[in-house]
PDB file of N, CA and C in Angstrom:
ATOM      1  N   MET A   1      79.244 139.484 -76.661  1.00  0.00           N
ATOM      2  CA  MET A   1      79.767 138.042 -76.685  1.00  0.00           C
ATOM      3  C   MET A   1      80.940 137.837 -77.654  1.00  0.00           C
ATOM      4  N   ASN A   2      80.889 138.425 -78.844  1.00  0.00           N
ATOM      5  CA  ASN A   2      81.952 138.334 -79.735  1.00  0.00           C
ATOM      6  C   ASN A   2      83.225 138.755 -79.379  1.00  0.00           C
ATOM      7  N   ALA A   3      83.288 139.793 -78.601  1.00  0.00           N
ATOM      8  CA  ALA A   3      84.442 140.295 -78.198  1.00  0.00           C
ATOM      9  C   ALA A   3      85.102 139.471 -76.969  1.00  0.00           C
ATOM     10  N   SER A   4      84.235 138.740 -76.281  1.00  0.00           N
ATOM     11  CA  SER A   4      84.809 138.010 -75.254  1.00  0.00           C
ATOM     12  C   SER A   4      85.310 136.735 -75.940  1.00  0.00           C
ATOM     13  N   LEU A   5      84.684 136.351 -76.781  1.00  0.00           N
ATOM     14  CA  LEU A   5      85.067 134.860 -77.468  1.00  0.00           C
ATOM     15  C   LEU A   5      86.361 135.242 -78.209  1.00  0.00           C
ATOM     16  N   LYS A   6      86.703 136.400 -78.999  1.00  0.00           N
ATOM     17  CA  LYS A   6      87.902 136.656 -79.624  1.00  0.00           C
ATOM     18  C   LYS A   6      89.030 136.780 -78.667  1.00  0.00           C
ATOM     19  N   GLN A   7      88.729 137.293 -77.432  1.00  0.00           N
ATOM     20  CA  GLN A   7      89.649 137.681 -76.653  1.00  0.00           C
ATOM     21  C   GLN A   7      90.071 136.169 -75.875  1.00  0.00           C
ATOM     22  N   TYR A   8      89.116 135.259 -75.727  1.00  0.00           N
ATOM     23  CA  TYR A   8      89.348 134.030 -75.055  1.00  0.00           C
ATOM     24  C   TYR A   8      90.075 133.200 -76.011  1.00  0.00           C
ATOM     25  N   GLY A   9      89.749 133.305 -77.291  1.00  0.00           N
ATOM     26  CA  GLY A   9      90.302 132.412 -78.397  1.00  0.00           C
ATOM     27  C   GLY A   9      91.922 132.829 -78.448  1.00  0.00           C
ATOM     28  N   LYS A  10      92.131 134.113 -78.533  1.00  0.00           N
ATOM     29  CA  LYS A  10      93.469 134.438 -78.658  1.00  0.00           C
ATOM     30  C   LYS A  10      94.254 134.210 -77.247  1.00  0.00           C
ATOM     31  N   ALA A  11      93.751 134.336 -76.284  1.00  0.00           N
ATOM     32  CA  ALA A  11      94.465 133.998 -74.909  1.00  0.00           C
ATOM     33  C   ALA A  11      94.670 132.511 -74.961  1.00  0.00           C
ATOM     34  N   LYS A  12      93.897 131.530 -75.247  1.00  0.00           N
ATOM     35  CA  LYS A  12      94.133 130.493 -75.405  1.00  0.00           C
ATOM     36  C   LYS A  12      94.849 129.752 -76.582  1.00  0.00           C
ATOM     37  N   GLY A  13      95.042 130.433 -77.392  1.00  0.00           N
ATOM     38  CA  GLY A  13      95.709 129.933 -78.724  1.00  0.00           C
ATOM     39  C   GLY A  13      95.101 129.300 -79.662  1.00  0.00           C
ATOM     40  N   TYR A  14      93.544 129.292 -79.618  1.00  0.00           N
ATOM     41  CA  TYR A  14      92.725 128.807 -80.320  1.00  0.00           C
ATOM     42  C   TYR A  14      93.004 129.077 -81.876  1.00  0.00           C
ATOM     43  N   THR A  15      92.534 128.184 -82.960  1.00  0.00           N
ATOM     44  CA  THR A  15      92.633 128.643 -84.140  1.00  0.00           C
ATOM     45  C   THR A  15      91.129 128.620 -84.433  1.00  0.00           C
ATOM     46  N   PHE A  16      90.169 128.062 -84.054  1.00  0.00           N
ATOM     47  CA  PHE A  16      88.696 128.066 -84.154  1.00  0.00           C
ATOM     48  C   PHE A  16      87.932 127.881 -82.980  1.00  0.00           C
ATOM     49  N   ILE A  17      87.048 128.460 -82.736  1.00  0.00           N
ATOM     50  CA  ILE A  17      85.879 128.170 -81.944  1.00  0.00           C
ATOM     51  C   ILE A  17      84.711 128.091 -82.596  1.00  0.00           C
ATOM     52  N   LEU A  18      84.132 126.702 -82.301  1.00  0.00           N
ATOM     53  CA  LEU A  18      82.707 126.443 -83.238  1.00  0.00           C
ATOM     54  C   LEU A  18      81.527 126.395 -82.212  1.00  0.00           C
ATOM     55  N   GLY A  19      80.602 127.059 -82.984  1.00  0.00           N
ATOM     56  CA  GLY A  19      79.221 126.981 -82.082  1.00  0.00           C
ATOM     57  C   GLY A  19      78.724 125.453 -82.144  1.00  0.00           C
ATOM     58  N   ALA A  20      78.055 125.301 -81.220  1.00  0.00           N
ATOM     59  CA  ALA A  20      77.184 123.890 -81.154  1.00  0.00           C
ATOM     60  C   ALA A  20      75.715 124.175 -81.510  1.00  0.00           C
ATOM     61  N   THR A  21      75.807 124.289 -83.031  1.00  0.00           N
ATOM     62  CA  THR A  21      74.317 124.629 -83.500  1.00  0.00           C
ATOM     63  C   THR A  21      73.946 123.824 -84.749  1.00  0.00           C
ATOM     64  N   ASP A  22      73.100 123.573 -85.134  1.00  0.00           N
ATOM     65  CA  ASP A  22      72.492 122.842 -86.399  1.00  0.00           C
ATOM     66  C   ASP A  22      73.485 123.465 -87.465  1.00  0.00           C
ATOM     67  N   ALA A  23      73.493 124.903 -87.455  1.00  0.00           N
ATOM     68  CA  ALA A  23      74.274 125.615 -88.732  1.00  0.00           C
ATOM     69  C   ALA A  23      75.848 125.451 -88.465  1.00  0.00           C
ATOM     70  N   GLY A  24      76.230 125.210 -87.531  1.00  0.00           N
ATOM     71  CA  GLY A  24      77.808 124.913 -87.201  1.00  0.00           C
ATOM     72  C   GLY A  24      78.566 126.019 -87.608  1.00  0.00           C
ATOM     73  N   ASN A  25      78.220 127.055 -86.860  1.00  0.00           N
ATOM     74  CA  ASN A  25      78.682 128.567 -86.902  1.00  0.00           C
ATOM     75  C   ASN A  25      80.235 128.592 -86.419  1.00  0.00           C
ATOM     76  N   ILE A  26      81.253 129.313 -87.227  1.00  0.00           N
ATOM     77  CA  ILE A  26      82.274 129.533 -86.532  1.00  0.00           C
ATOM     78  C   ILE A  26      82.298 130.947 -85.595  1.00  0.00           C
ATOM     79  N   LEU A  27      82.437 130.684 -84.441  1.00  0.00           N
ATOM     80  CA  LEU A  27      82.222 131.869 -83.463  1.00  0.00           C
ATOM     81  C   LEU A  27      83.612 132.846 -83.331  1.00  0.00           C
ATOM     82  N   TYR A  28      84.782 132.086 -83.715  1.00  0.00           N
ATOM     83  CA  TYR A  28      86.139 132.613 -83.550  1.00  0.00           C
ATOM     84  C   TYR A  28      86.947 132.027 -84.635  1.00  0.00           C
ATOM     85  N   ALA A  29      87.568 132.744 -85.373  1.00  0.00           N
ATOM     86  CA  ALA A  29      88.821 132.243 -86.256  1.00  0.00           C
ATOM     87  C   ALA A  29      89.986 133.152 -86.019  1.00  0.00           C
ATOM     88  N   ALA A  30      90.932 132.699 -85.870  1.00  0.00           N
ATOM     89  CA  ALA A  30      92.434 133.340 -85.642  1.00  0.00           C
ATOM     90  C   ALA A  30      92.803 134.192 -87.086  1.00  0.00           C
ATOM     91  N   GLU A  31      93.354 135.268 -86.762  1.00  0.00           N
ATOM     92  CA  GLU A  31      93.608 135.946 -87.924  1.00  0.00           C
ATOM     93  C   GLU A  31      94.737 135.098 -88.950  1.00  0.00           C
ATOM     94  N   GLY A  32      94.477 135.049 -90.159  1.00  0.00           N
ATOM     95  CA  GLY A  32      94.978 134.259 -91.232  1.00  0.00           C
ATOM     96  C   GLY A  32      94.620 132.986 -91.560  1.00  0.00           C
ATOM     97  N   THR A  33      93.231 132.805 -90.953  1.00  0.00           N
ATOM     98  CA  THR A  33      92.651 131.400 -91.187  1.00  0.00           C
ATOM     99  C   THR A  33      91.820 131.843 -92.314  1.00  0.00           C
ATOM    100  N   GLU A  34      91.759 132.660 -93.239  1.00  0.00           N
ATOM    101  CA  GLU A  34      90.910 132.775 -94.355  1.00  0.00           C
ATOM    102  C   GLU A  34      90.971 131.561 -95.318  1.00  0.00           C
ATOM    103  N   LEU A  35      89.700 130.857 -95.334  1.00  0.00           N
ATOM    104  CA  LEU A  35      89.797 129.359 -96.172  1.00  0.00           C
ATOM    105  C   LEU A  35      88.967 129.717 -97.460  1.00  0.00           C
ATOM    106  N   SER A  36      88.394 130.722 -97.713  1.00  0.00           N
ATOM    107  CA  SER A  36      87.479 131.103 -98.822  1.00  0.00           C
ATOM    108  C   SER A  36      88.128 130.687-100.144  1.00  0.00           C
ATOM    109  N   ASP A  37      89.083 131.405-100.337  1.00  0.00           N
ATOM    110  CA  ASP A  37      89.902 131.044-101.768  1.00  0.00           C
ATOM    111  C   ASP A  37      90.015 129.482-101.944  1.00  0.00           C
ATOM    112  N   GLY A  38      90.681 128.717-100.949  1.00  0.00           N
ATOM    113  CA  GLY A  38      90.857 127.428-100.961  1.00  0.00           C
ATOM    114  C   GLY A  38      89.629 126.551-101.389  1.00  0.00           C
ATOM    115  N   VAL A  39      88.687 126.901-100.580  1.00  0.00           N
ATOM    116  CA  VAL A  39      87.382 126.138-100.626  1.00  0.00           C
ATOM    117  C   VAL A  39      86.855 126.363-102.084  1.00  0.00           C
ATOM    118  N   LEU A  40      86.828 127.529-102.552  1.00  0.00           N
ATOM    119  CA  LEU A  40      86.131 127.860-103.842  1.00  0.00           C
ATOM    120  C   LEU A  40      87.117 127.355-104.963  1.00  0.00           C
ATOM    121  N   ASN A  41      88.188 127.322-104.854  1.00  0.00           N
ATOM    122  CA  ASN A  41      89.286 126.763-105.784  1.00  0.00           C
ATOM    123  C   ASN A  41      88.935 125.197-106.035  1.00  0.00           C
ATOM    124  N   GLY A  42      88.720 124.436-104.642  1.00  0.00           N
ATOM    125  CA  GLY A  42      88.246 123.158-104.745  1.00  0.00           C
ATOM    126  C   GLY A  42      87.040 122.805-105.209  1.00  0.00           C
ATOM    127  N   LEU A  43      86.149 123.660-104.908  1.00  0.00           N
ATOM    128  CA  LEU A  43      84.645 123.657-105.566  1.00  0.00           C
ATOM    129  C   LEU A  43      84.814 123.685-107.149  1.00  0.00           C
ATOM    130  N   ASN A  44      85.406 124.680-107.486  1.00  0.00           N
ATOM    131  CA  ASN A  44      85.552 124.834-108.993  1.00  0.00           C
ATOM    132  C   ASN A  44      86.285 123.655-109.844  1.00  0.00           C
ATOM    133  N   GLU A  45      87.325 123.079-109.108  1.00  0.00           N
ATOM    134  CA  GLU A  45      87.865 122.025-109.627  1.00  0.00           C
ATOM    135  C   GLU A  45      86.903 120.866-109.814  1.00  0.00           C
ATOM    136  N   GLN A  46      86.421 120.594-108.818  1.00  0.00           N
ATOM    137  CA  GLN A  46      85.179 119.543-108.677  1.00  0.00           C
ATOM    138  C   GLN A  46      84.095 119.844-109.801  1.00  0.00           C
ATOM    139  N   TYR A  47      83.800 120.849-109.829  1.00  0.00           N
ATOM    140  CA  TYR A  47      82.764 121.265-110.931  1.00  0.00           C
ATOM    141  C   TYR A  47      83.389 120.931-112.280  1.00  0.00           C
ATOM    142  N   ASP A  48      84.499 121.360-112.418  1.00  0.00           N
ATOM    143  CA  ASP A  48      85.135 121.383-113.863  1.00  0.00           C
ATOM    144  C   ASP A  48      85.416 119.822-114.140  1.00  0.00           C
ATOM    145  N   ARG A  49      85.606 118.926-113.084  1.00  0.00           N
ATOM    146  CA  ARG A  49      85.982 117.439-113.649  1.00  0.00           C
ATOM    147  C   ARG A  49      84.358 116.762-113.720  1.00  0.00           C
ATOM    148  N   GLN A  50      83.727 117.276-113.185  1.00  0.00           N
ATOM    149  CA  GLN A  50      82.295 116.673-113.576  1.00  0.00           C
ATOM    150  C   GLN A  50      81.587 117.310-114.652  1.00  0.00           C
ATOM    151  N   HIS A  51      81.774 118.330-115.119  1.00  0.00           N
ATOM    152  CA  HIS A  51      81.087 118.763-116.421  1.00  0.00           C
ATOM    153  C   HIS A  51      82.100 119.141-117.378  1.00  0.00           C
ATOM    154  N   SER A  52      83.305 118.384-117.400  1.00  0.00           N
ATOM    155  CA  SER A  52      84.306 118.511-118.554  1.00  0.00           C
ATOM    156  C   SER A  52      83.578 117.336-119.704  1.00  0.00           C
ATOM    157  N   SER A  53      83.884 117.698-120.843  1.00  0.00           N
ATOM    158  CA  SER A  53      83.412 116.982-122.053  1.00  0.00           C
ATOM    159  C   SER A  53      84.567 115.893-122.196  1.00  0.00           C
ATOM    160  N   PRO A  54      84.134 114.469-122.418  1.00  0.00           N
ATOM    161  CA  PRO A  54      85.193 113.474-122.495  1.00  0.00           C
ATOM    162  C   PRO A  54      86.007 113.747-123.691  1.00  0.00           C
ATOM    163  N   ALA A  55      87.396 113.376-123.504  1.00  0.00           N
ATOM    164  CA  ALA A  55      88.501 113.279-124.496  1.00  0.00           C
ATOM    165  C   ALA A  55      88.077 112.578-125.655  1.00  0.00           C
ATOM    166  N   HIS A  56      88.259 113.024-126.936  1.00  0.00           N
ATOM    167  CA  HIS A  56      87.936 112.314-128.129  1.00  0.00           C
ATOM    168  C   HIS A  56      89.286 111.577-128.439  1.00  0.00           C
TER     169      HIS A  56
END
């Protein structure tokens, strides 16, 4: 099934194909759509803002 979804996604020019499950799985992602670094950077920035000591 994964190979078929990959072929279908590429043929249709899709960036993502999402699964309709409670987990919200990504069934297909086009090459070059790696989002991990951006997501982690955003989470780290949010954490830093929430846990920084107030300026005196």
